[in-house]
């Protein structure tokens, strides 16, 4: 007689930095058989995150049936990455529950059309907010430069070329596959200048 694998309900948590508190997302942690916590920028592709990789391995092993996240932007900062992961979970028959909208991706093991519509809207909003934030940062830097008050990065915070290539693996992949700089920057959630630097590094 084959050994049955116990299926489980799990939760995935992400915060952007090690200094950020995960308490708000962990308030219901006792409800889950396992909680995965990543402290990494949302611009890092889901499949490249340490704890997300463990989650995906458990899904592939058949140990997960239900996945909870606090909000859809925990999966990514651009709509392509978000919808890619939602489709992956659907293909694996994983019931994805997004807490802040109170909806499951599957109902009676069938895709929930309302969920997909709302997630598409929220994913686009998350991407737009990210782009707006980057634009405000760019404008702030330009203004500071014009006023002679821009100091650049703090000493010791400059990323090495290896750090840049590691952080923006999605951009590297898209550029190597022939995507334009602008398109690669959009997909990889970075500035056009960063994409240009990456292109020089991989040329």
Foldseek 3Di string as FASTA:
>chain_A
DDDDAAAWEEEEEEAAAPPDDRCVFCVPVVRTPYYFYFHHHLLFALCLTDSSVVVVVCLVVVRYAEYEYQAQSRRHQALVSSVVVLVVCLVSNHFYAHNVVGDTQDDPSHGDVVVVVVSSVVRHVSNVVLVVVVVVVVVVQVVCVVVVNRDPDDPPPDDDLVRLCSRQVQLLVCVVVPDDLVVSCSSSVHDSVSSVVNVVVVD
